[in-house]
Amino acid sequence: MAIKTILVSQPKPQSNRSPYFDLAERQNLKIDFVPFIKVEGVSPKEFRDQRVNLGDFTGVLLTSKIAADHFFRMAEATRFEVPDSMKYFCISEAVALYLQKYVAYRKRKIFFGNQNIHDLVDILKKHKSENILLPCTDILRDVIPNTLEENNIRFTKSVLYRTVAADLSELENVFYDVLVFFSPGGIESLIKNFPDFKQNNTLIATFGATTATAATKNGLKPNIRAPHPKAPSMVGAIEFFIKDNLKKGK
């Protein structure tokens, strides 16, 4: 089948340099963006029910900018004044730099990895005396706490925000050749919004093994998978699929 329309289950890129826009131009595609999931912060009461005291911690492990937002949101909501001595262990430099929104950026208290929990473990091992808080979502990947436990890093997990299905009613009578998903949450949102959804001729593109597994469990067939051996990105995987099908059609 010829691919003409694609729906990406994420917010529209803010930059005009997005590879999706280049793909649309190269392959003459219509690409729309609609987030299938949204983030909601837990209430102060829900946080207190977790029996977590922010004052007990000397460090915070931040896996995303969202985690940083909700850590400081909860600190404000519970009237906890974050001490200047607090150490921040960030999954990436981008998250570390984002902290300037909340604290004065000092190299002696802000550390970061290279987008990988395993990189960050090497840094955390040098700070074994710290008591670390891990602010997270309700669907935190097991690899993060498991890696910390395997390396004897002292930490406490606290759910400060949750991922919920967005309202997709505006898409009820809209059809696309390809639906693109990046997380199991996106798949679950599709099924929650449209419990009678039938894939039929719609192609499903999934990023990562867990997303592909979620699609399969919900009766969907992942037609395009990323990362692909010849295309590590989703954009690359989609374009490879289009070109490969053109060859087969000749």
C-alpha atoms as a PDB file:
ATOM      1  CA  MET A   1       0.000   0.000   0.000  1.00  0.00           C
ATOM      2  CA  ALA A   2       1.118   3.561  -0.655  1.00  0.00           C
ATOM      3  CA  ILE A   3       1.743   5.578   2.497  1.00  0.00           C
ATOM      4  CA  LYS A   4       0.393   9.124   2.331  1.00  0.00           C
ATOM      5  CA  THR A   5      -0.701   9.984   5.878  1.00  0.00           C
ATOM      6  CA  ILE A   6       1.021   9.390   9.223  1.00  0.00           C
ATOM      7  CA  LEU A   7      -0.090  10.132  12.779  1.00  0.00           C
ATOM      8  CA  VAL A   8       2.681  10.419  15.368  1.00  0.00           C
ATOM      9  CA  SER A   9       1.417   9.913  18.934  1.00  0.00           C
ATOM     10  CA  GLN A  10       3.599  12.691  20.350  1.00  0.00           C
ATOM     11  CA  PRO A  11       3.435  16.503  20.558  1.00  0.00           C
ATOM     12  CA  LYS A  12       4.398  18.385  17.416  1.00  0.00           C
ATOM     13  CA  PRO A  13       8.134  19.223  17.385  1.00  0.00           C
ATOM     14  CA  GLN A  14       8.810  22.837  18.317  1.00  0.00           C
ATOM     15  CA  SER A  15      11.770  23.099  15.989  1.00  0.00           C
ATOM     16  CA  ASN A  16      11.291  23.480  12.238  1.00  0.00           C
ATOM     17  CA  ARG A  17      14.377  21.304  11.841  1.00  0.00           C
ATOM     18  CA  SER A  18      12.598  18.133  12.915  1.00  0.00           C
ATOM     19  CA  PRO A  19      13.501  15.124  10.743  1.00  0.00           C
ATOM     20  CA  TYR A  20       9.775  14.407  10.475  1.00  0.00           C
ATOM     21  CA  PHE A  21       9.293  17.574   8.432  1.00  0.00           C
ATOM     22  CA  ASP A  22      12.186  16.588   6.162  1.00  0.00           C
ATOM     23  CA  LEU A  23      10.664  13.123   5.744  1.00  0.00           C
ATOM     24  CA  ALA A  24       7.289  14.630   4.829  1.00  0.00           C
ATOM     25  CA  GLU A  25       8.929  16.753   2.155  1.00  0.00           C
ATOM     26  CA  ARG A  26      11.104  13.966   0.724  1.00  0.00           C
ATOM     27  CA  GLN A  27       8.305  11.399   0.531  1.00  0.00           C
ATOM     28  CA  ASN A  28       5.363  13.765  -0.065  1.00  0.00           C
ATOM     29  CA  LEU A  29       3.623  12.782   3.185  1.00  0.00           C
ATOM     30  CA  LYS A  30       1.074  14.402   5.467  1.00  0.00           C
ATOM     31  CA  ILE A  31       2.342  13.937   9.041  1.00  0.00           C
ATOM     32  CA  ASP A  32       0.211  14.984  12.020  1.00  0.00           C
ATOM     33  CA  PHE A  33       1.128  14.984  15.702  1.00  0.00           C
ATOM     34  CA  VAL A  34      -1.292  14.256  18.546  1.00  0.00           C
ATOM     35  CA  PRO A  35      -0.053  13.225  22.017  1.00  0.00           C
ATOM     36  CA  PHE A  36      -1.817  10.027  23.100  1.00  0.00           C
ATOM     37  CA  ILE A  37      -0.743  10.318  26.724  1.00  0.00           C
ATOM     38  CA  LYS A  38      -0.422  13.137  29.234  1.00  0.00           C
ATOM     39  CA  VAL A  39       1.284  13.564  32.591  1.00  0.00           C
ATOM     40  CA  GLU A  40      -0.573  14.413  35.793  1.00  0.00           C
ATOM     41  CA  GLY A  41       1.086  15.205  39.105  1.00  0.00           C
ATOM     42  CA  VAL A  42       0.028  13.296  42.224  1.00  0.00           C
ATOM     43  CA  SER A  43      -1.551  15.374  44.983  1.00  0.00           C
ATOM     44  CA  PRO A  44       0.293  16.279  48.214  1.00  0.00           C
ATOM     45  CA  LYS A  45      -2.018  13.856  50.041  1.00  0.00           C
ATOM     46  CA  GLU A  46      -1.095  11.010  47.681  1.00  0.00           C
ATOM     47  CA  PHE A  47       2.557  11.881  48.212  1.00  0.00           C
ATOM     48  CA  ARG A  48       2.209  11.878  52.012  1.00  0.00           C
ATOM     49  CA  ASP A  49       0.505   8.478  51.809  1.00  0.00           C
ATOM     50  CA  GLN A  50       3.789   7.128  50.407  1.00  0.00           C
ATOM     51  CA  ARG A  51       5.472   7.915  53.756  1.00  0.00           C
ATOM     52  CA  VAL A  52       8.347   9.712  52.072  1.00  0.00           C
ATOM     53  CA  ASN A  53       9.996  12.644  53.852  1.00  0.00           C
ATOM     54  CA  LEU A  54      11.909  14.938  51.499  1.00  0.00           C
ATOM     55  CA  GLY A  55      14.107  16.075  54.378  1.00  0.00           C
ATOM     56  CA  ASP A  56      15.611  12.579  54.657  1.00  0.00           C
ATOM     57  CA  PHE A  57      17.437  12.850  51.347  1.00  0.00           C
ATOM     58  CA  THR A  58      20.786  14.358  50.431  1.00  0.00           C
ATOM     59  CA  GLY A  59      20.511  13.682  46.701  1.00  0.00           C
ATOM     60  CA  VAL A  60      17.929  13.446  43.921  1.00  0.00           C
ATOM     61  CA  LEU A  61      18.158  11.244  40.821  1.00  0.00           C
ATOM     62  CA  LEU A  62      16.376  12.931  37.915  1.00  0.00           C
ATOM     63  CA  THR A  63      15.570  10.833  34.847  1.00  0.00           C
ATOM     64  CA  SER A  64      13.822  13.630  32.927  1.00  0.00           C
ATOM     65  CA  LYS A  65      12.862  17.295  32.934  1.00  0.00           C
ATOM     66  CA  ILE A  66       9.370  16.221  33.980  1.00  0.00           C
ATOM     67  CA  ALA A  67      10.818  14.480  37.043  1.00  0.00           C
ATOM     68  CA  ALA A  68      12.606  17.736  37.960  1.00  0.00           C
ATOM     69  CA  ASP A  69       9.406  19.749  37.546  1.00  0.00           C
ATOM     70  CA  HIS A  70       7.430  17.458  39.828  1.00  0.00           C
ATOM     71  CA  PHE A  71      10.163  17.199  42.476  1.00  0.00           C
ATOM     72  CA  PHE A  72      10.218  20.966  42.912  1.00  0.00           C
ATOM     73  CA  ARG A  73       6.419  21.147  42.586  1.00  0.00           C
ATOM     74  CA  MET A  74       6.028  18.726  45.476  1.00  0.00           C
ATOM     75  CA  ALA A  75       8.685  20.488  47.519  1.00  0.00           C
ATOM     76  CA  GLU A  76       6.714  23.719  47.169  1.00  0.00           C
ATOM     77  CA  ALA A  77       3.373  22.025  47.847  1.00  0.00           C
ATOM     78  CA  THR A  78       4.687  20.452  51.061  1.00  0.00           C
ATOM     79  CA  ARG A  79       6.569  23.625  52.064  1.00  0.00           C
ATOM     80  CA  PHE A  80       9.897  21.860  51.969  1.00  0.00           C
ATOM     81  CA  GLU A  81      12.797  24.222  51.376  1.00  0.00           C
ATOM     82  CA  VAL A  82      15.311  22.348  49.245  1.00  0.00           C
ATOM     83  CA  PRO A  83      18.733  22.887  50.884  1.00  0.00           C
ATOM     84  CA  ASP A  84      21.632  24.327  48.905  1.00  0.00           C
ATOM     85  CA  SER A  85      23.589  21.191  49.828  1.00  0.00           C
ATOM     86  CA  MET A  86      21.226  18.920  47.843  1.00  0.00           C
ATOM     87  CA  LYS A  87      23.045  16.952  45.134  1.00  0.00           C
ATOM     88  CA  TYR A  88      21.414  16.297  41.767  1.00  0.00           C
ATOM     89  CA  PHE A  89      22.230  13.229  39.667  1.00  0.00           C
ATOM     90  CA  CYS A  90      20.789  13.720  36.173  1.00  0.00           C
ATOM     91  CA  ILE A  91      20.336  11.164  33.408  1.00  0.00           C
ATOM     92  CA  SER A  92      21.713  13.612  30.817  1.00  0.00           C
ATOM     93  CA  GLU A  93      23.353  17.007  30.439  1.00  0.00           C
ATOM     94  CA  ALA A  94      20.077  18.417  29.072  1.00  0.00           C
ATOM     95  CA  VAL A  95      18.309  17.566  32.345  1.00  0.00           C
ATOM     96  CA  ALA A  96      21.230  18.980  34.335  1.00  0.00           C
ATOM     97  CA  LEU A  97      21.092  22.289  32.462  1.00  0.00           C
ATOM     98  CA  TYR A  98      17.317  22.384  32.903  1.00  0.00           C
ATOM     99  CA  LEU A  99      17.871  22.607  36.668  1.00  0.00           C
ATOM    100  CA  GLN A 100      18.877  26.246  36.189  1.00  0.00           C
ATOM    101  CA  LYS A 101      15.134  26.887  36.201  1.00  0.00           C
ATOM    102  CA  TYR A 102      15.125  25.996  39.908  1.00  0.00           C
ATOM    103  CA  VAL A 103      18.635  26.224  41.389  1.00  0.00           C
ATOM    104  CA  ALA A 104      21.944  27.973  40.848  1.00  0.00           C
ATOM    105  CA  TYR A 105      24.007  25.720  38.596  1.00  0.00           C
ATOM    106  CA  ARG A 106      27.084  24.549  40.496  1.00  0.00           C
ATOM    107  CA  LYS A 107      29.377  21.822  39.248  1.00  0.00           C
ATOM    108  CA  ARG A 108      30.071  20.603  42.758  1.00  0.00           C
ATOM    109  CA  LYS A 109      26.466  19.496  43.289  1.00  0.00           C
ATOM    110  CA  ILE A 110      25.089  18.691  39.824  1.00  0.00           C
ATOM    111  CA  PHE A 111      26.236  15.543  38.017  1.00  0.00           C
ATOM    112  CA  PHE A 112      25.042  13.955  34.784  1.00  0.00           C
ATOM    113  CA  GLY A 113      25.372  10.875  32.609  1.00  0.00           C
ATOM    114  CA  ASN A 114      24.991  10.337  28.888  1.00  0.00           C
ATOM    115  CA  GLN A 115      21.267   9.477  28.608  1.00  0.00           C
ATOM    116  CA  ASN A 116      21.890   6.091  30.218  1.00  0.00           C
ATOM    117  CA  ILE A 117      21.362   4.871  33.798  1.00  0.00           C
ATOM    118  CA  HIS A 118      24.494   2.724  33.517  1.00  0.00           C
ATOM    119  CA  ASP A 119      26.620   5.841  32.900  1.00  0.00           C
ATOM    120  CA  LEU A 120      25.080   7.490  35.938  1.00  0.00           C
ATOM    121  CA  VAL A 121      25.789   4.497  38.196  1.00  0.00           C
ATOM    122  CA  ASP A 122      29.532   5.105  37.870  1.00  0.00           C
ATOM    123  CA  ILE A 123      28.970   8.619  39.221  1.00  0.00           C
ATOM    124  CA  LEU A 124      26.632   7.449  41.990  1.00  0.00           C
ATOM    125  CA  LYS A 125      29.199   4.915  43.182  1.00  0.00           C
ATOM    126  CA  LYS A 126      31.458   7.825  44.047  1.00  0.00           C
ATOM    127  CA  HIS A 127      28.707   9.194  46.303  1.00  0.00           C
ATOM    128  CA  LYS A 128      27.761   6.051  48.213  1.00  0.00           C
ATOM    129  CA  SER A 129      27.097   7.987  51.417  1.00  0.00           C
ATOM    130  CA  GLU A 130      24.219   9.928  49.845  1.00  0.00           C
ATOM    131  CA  ASN A 131      20.599   8.989  50.500  1.00  0.00           C
ATOM    132  CA  ILE A 132      19.007   9.304  47.051  1.00  0.00           C
ATOM    133  CA  LEU A 133      15.389  10.111  46.147  1.00  0.00           C
ATOM    134  CA  LEU A 134      14.140   8.817  42.793  1.00  0.00           C
ATOM    135  CA  PRO A 135      11.104  10.909  41.735  1.00  0.00           C
ATOM    136  CA  CYS A 136       9.321   8.964  39.041  1.00  0.00           C
ATOM    137  CA  THR A 137       6.185   8.098  37.105  1.00  0.00           C
ATOM    138  CA  ASP A 138       3.866   5.232  37.915  1.00  0.00           C
ATOM    139  CA  ILE A 139       5.215   3.353  34.882  1.00  0.00           C
ATOM    140  CA  LEU A 140       8.935   3.674  35.600  1.00  0.00           C
ATOM    141  CA  ARG A 141      10.963   1.144  33.636  1.00  0.00           C
ATOM    142  CA  ASP A 142      12.354  -1.656  35.836  1.00  0.00           C
ATOM    143  CA  VAL A 143      15.837  -1.217  34.393  1.00  0.00           C
ATOM    144  CA  ILE A 144      16.432   1.928  36.466  1.00  0.00           C
ATOM    145  CA  PRO A 145      15.634   0.644  40.001  1.00  0.00           C
ATOM    146  CA  ASN A 146      17.056  -2.786  39.139  1.00  0.00           C
ATOM    147  CA  THR A 147      20.361  -1.245  38.044  1.00  0.00           C
ATOM    148  CA  LEU A 148      20.551   0.847  41.216  1.00  0.00           C
ATOM    149  CA  GLU A 149      19.849  -2.184  43.407  1.00  0.00           C
ATOM    150  CA  GLU A 150      22.406  -4.330  41.574  1.00  0.00           C
ATOM    151  CA  ASN A 151      25.039  -1.701  42.298  1.00  0.00           C
ATOM    152  CA  ASN A 152      24.029  -1.225  45.948  1.00  0.00           C
ATOM    153  CA  ILE A 153      22.995   2.393  45.485  1.00  0.00           C
ATOM    154  CA  ARG A 154      20.868   3.545  48.435  1.00  0.00           C
ATOM    155  CA  PHE A 155      17.689   5.067  47.033  1.00  0.00           C
ATOM    156  CA  THR A 156      13.963   5.476  47.629  1.00  0.00           C
ATOM    157  CA  LYS A 157      11.445   5.552  44.795  1.00  0.00           C
ATOM    158  CA  SER A 158       8.570   8.025  45.016  1.00  0.00           C
ATOM    159  CA  VAL A 159       5.802   8.350  42.423  1.00  0.00           C
ATOM    160  CA  LEU A 160       5.275  12.095  41.894  1.00  0.00           C
ATOM    161  CA  TYR A 161       3.441  11.958  38.568  1.00  0.00           C
ATOM    162  CA  ARG A 162       1.501   9.481  36.501  1.00  0.00           C
ATOM    163  CA  THR A 163       0.936   8.856  32.819  1.00  0.00           C
ATOM    164  CA  VAL A 164      -2.713   8.783  31.744  1.00  0.00           C
ATOM    165  CA  ALA A 165      -4.551   8.414  28.441  1.00  0.00           C
ATOM    166  CA  ALA A 166      -5.334  11.648  26.618  1.00  0.00           C
ATOM    167  CA  ASP A 167      -8.786  12.361  25.193  1.00  0.00           C
ATOM    168  CA  LEU A 168      -8.621  11.323  21.530  1.00  0.00           C
ATOM    169  CA  SER A 169     -12.294  11.771  20.649  1.00  0.00           C
ATOM    170  CA  GLU A 170     -11.342  14.258  17.909  1.00  0.00           C
ATOM    171  CA  LEU A 171      -9.735  11.364  16.011  1.00  0.00           C
ATOM    172  CA  GLU A 172     -12.815   9.145  16.041  1.00  0.00           C
ATOM    173  CA  ASN A 173     -13.568   9.499  12.341  1.00  0.00           C
ATOM    174  CA  VAL A 174     -10.067  10.300  11.124  1.00  0.00           C
ATOM    175  CA  PHE A 175      -7.983   7.623   9.454  1.00  0.00           C
ATOM    176  CA  TYR A 176      -4.225   7.404   8.780  1.00  0.00           C
ATOM    177  CA  ASP A 177      -2.082   4.995   6.826  1.00  0.00           C
ATOM    178  CA  VAL A 178       0.415   4.745   9.708  1.00  0.00           C
ATOM    179  CA  LEU A 179       0.068   5.177  13.475  1.00  0.00           C
ATOM    180  CA  VAL A 180       3.380   5.740  15.271  1.00  0.00           C
ATOM    181  CA  PHE A 181       3.893   4.753  18.926  1.00  0.00           C
ATOM    182  CA  PHE A 182       6.816   5.244  21.303  1.00  0.00           C
ATOM    183  CA  SER A 183       5.583   3.652  24.526  1.00  0.00           C
ATOM    184  CA  PRO A 184       3.156   1.034  25.840  1.00  0.00           C
ATOM    185  CA  GLY A 185       1.174   3.953  27.277  1.00  0.00           C
ATOM    186  CA  GLY A 186       0.430   5.198  23.761  1.00  0.00           C
ATOM    187  CA  ILE A 187      -0.885   1.788  22.731  1.00  0.00           C
ATOM    188  CA  GLU A 188      -3.028   1.572  25.866  1.00  0.00           C
ATOM    189  CA  SER A 189      -4.428   5.048  25.209  1.00  0.00           C
ATOM    190  CA  LEU A 190      -5.484   3.997  21.696  1.00  0.00           C
ATOM    191  CA  ILE A 191      -7.339   0.966  23.060  1.00  0.00           C
ATOM    192  CA  LYS A 192      -8.890   2.915  25.935  1.00  0.00           C
ATOM    193  CA  ASN A 193     -10.175   5.631  23.603  1.00  0.00           C
ATOM    194  CA  PHE A 194     -11.247   3.214  20.870  1.00  0.00           C
ATOM    195  CA  PRO A 195     -11.963  -0.206  22.422  1.00  0.00           C
ATOM    196  CA  ASP A 196     -13.417  -1.448  19.120  1.00  0.00           C
ATOM    197  CA  PHE A 197     -10.375  -0.363  17.081  1.00  0.00           C
ATOM    198  CA  LYS A 198      -9.542  -2.714  14.228  1.00  0.00           C
ATOM    199  CA  GLN A 199      -6.168  -2.396  12.547  1.00  0.00           C
ATOM    200  CA  ASN A 200      -7.348  -3.543   9.123  1.00  0.00           C
ATOM    201  CA  ASN A 201      -5.030  -1.855   6.581  1.00  0.00           C
ATOM    202  CA  THR A 202      -3.540   0.617   9.060  1.00  0.00           C
ATOM    203  CA  LEU A 203       0.187   0.143   9.594  1.00  0.00           C
ATOM    204  CA  ILE A 204       1.500   0.253  13.161  1.00  0.00           C
ATOM    205  CA  ALA A 205       4.983   1.648  13.814  1.00  0.00           C
ATOM    206  CA  THR A 206       6.545   0.996  17.235  1.00  0.00           C
ATOM    207  CA  PHE A 207       9.729   2.195  18.882  1.00  0.00           C
ATOM    208  CA  GLY A 208      11.407  -0.265  21.219  1.00  0.00           C
ATOM    209  CA  ALA A 209      10.679  -3.844  22.203  1.00  0.00           C
ATOM    210  CA  THR A 210       8.269  -3.003  25.051  1.00  0.00           C
ATOM    211  CA  THR A 211       6.078  -0.907  22.741  1.00  0.00           C
ATOM    212  CA  ALA A 212       6.005  -3.652  20.110  1.00  0.00           C
ATOM    213  CA  THR A 213       5.096  -6.194  22.799  1.00  0.00           C
ATOM    214  CA  ALA A 214       2.260  -3.962  24.059  1.00  0.00           C
ATOM    215  CA  ALA A 215       0.923  -3.679  20.517  1.00  0.00           C
ATOM    216  CA  THR A 216       0.968  -7.447  20.047  1.00  0.00           C
ATOM    217  CA  LYS A 217      -0.730  -8.055  23.410  1.00  0.00           C
ATOM    218  CA  ASN A 218      -3.529  -5.749  22.314  1.00  0.00           C
ATOM    219  CA  GLY A 219      -4.101  -7.618  19.074  1.00  0.00           C
ATOM    220  CA  LEU A 220      -2.134  -5.263  16.839  1.00  0.00           C
ATOM    221  CA  LYS A 221       0.597  -6.148  14.362  1.00  0.00           C
ATOM    222  CA  PRO A 222       3.719  -3.948  14.469  1.00  0.00           C
ATOM    223  CA  ASN A 223       4.535  -3.476  10.778  1.00  0.00           C
ATOM    224  CA  ILE A 224       7.371  -0.970  11.236  1.00  0.00           C
ATOM    225  CA  ARG A 225       9.813  -1.403  14.094  1.00  0.00           C
ATOM    226  CA  ALA A 226      12.513   0.929  15.311  1.00  0.00           C
ATOM    227  CA  PRO A 227      15.320   0.855  15.952  1.00  0.00           C
ATOM    228  CA  HIS A 228      15.935  -1.089  12.742  1.00  0.00           C
ATOM    229  CA  PRO A 229      19.360  -2.582  11.859  1.00  0.00           C
ATOM    230  CA  LYS A 230      19.514  -0.220   8.882  1.00  0.00           C
ATOM    231  CA  ALA A 231      17.684   2.684  10.552  1.00  0.00           C
ATOM    232  CA  PRO A 232      18.120   3.446  14.290  1.00  0.00           C
ATOM    233  CA  SER A 233      15.510   6.234  14.400  1.00  0.00           C
ATOM    234  CA  MET A 234      11.763   6.057  13.868  1.00  0.00           C
ATOM    235  CA  VAL A 235      12.000   8.467  10.928  1.00  0.00           C
ATOM    236  CA  GLY A 236      14.669   6.273   9.366  1.00  0.00           C
ATOM    237  CA  ALA A 237      12.637   3.106   9.919  1.00  0.00           C
ATOM    238  CA  ILE A 238       9.551   4.634   8.292  1.00  0.00           C
ATOM    239  CA  GLU A 239      11.525   5.828   5.281  1.00  0.00           C
ATOM    240  CA  PHE A 240      13.276   2.467   4.934  1.00  0.00           C
ATOM    241  CA  PHE A 241       9.855   0.756   4.953  1.00  0.00           C
ATOM    242  CA  ILE A 242       8.513   3.113   2.278  1.00  0.00           C
ATOM    243  CA  LYS A 243      11.532   2.635   0.013  1.00  0.00           C
ATOM    244  CA  ASP A 244      11.579  -1.124   0.556  1.00  0.00           C
ATOM    245  CA  ASN A 245       7.910  -1.387  -0.422  1.00  0.00           C
ATOM    246  CA  LEU A 246       8.515   0.704  -3.536  1.00  0.00           C
ATOM    247  CA  LYS A 247      11.219  -1.769  -4.603  1.00  0.00           C
ATOM    248  CA  LYS A 248       8.907  -4.728  -4.024  1.00  0.00           C
ATOM    249  CA  GLY A 249       6.159  -3.039  -6.006  1.00  0.00           C
ATOM    250  CA  LYS A 250       8.317  -2.723  -9.091  1.00  0.00           C
END
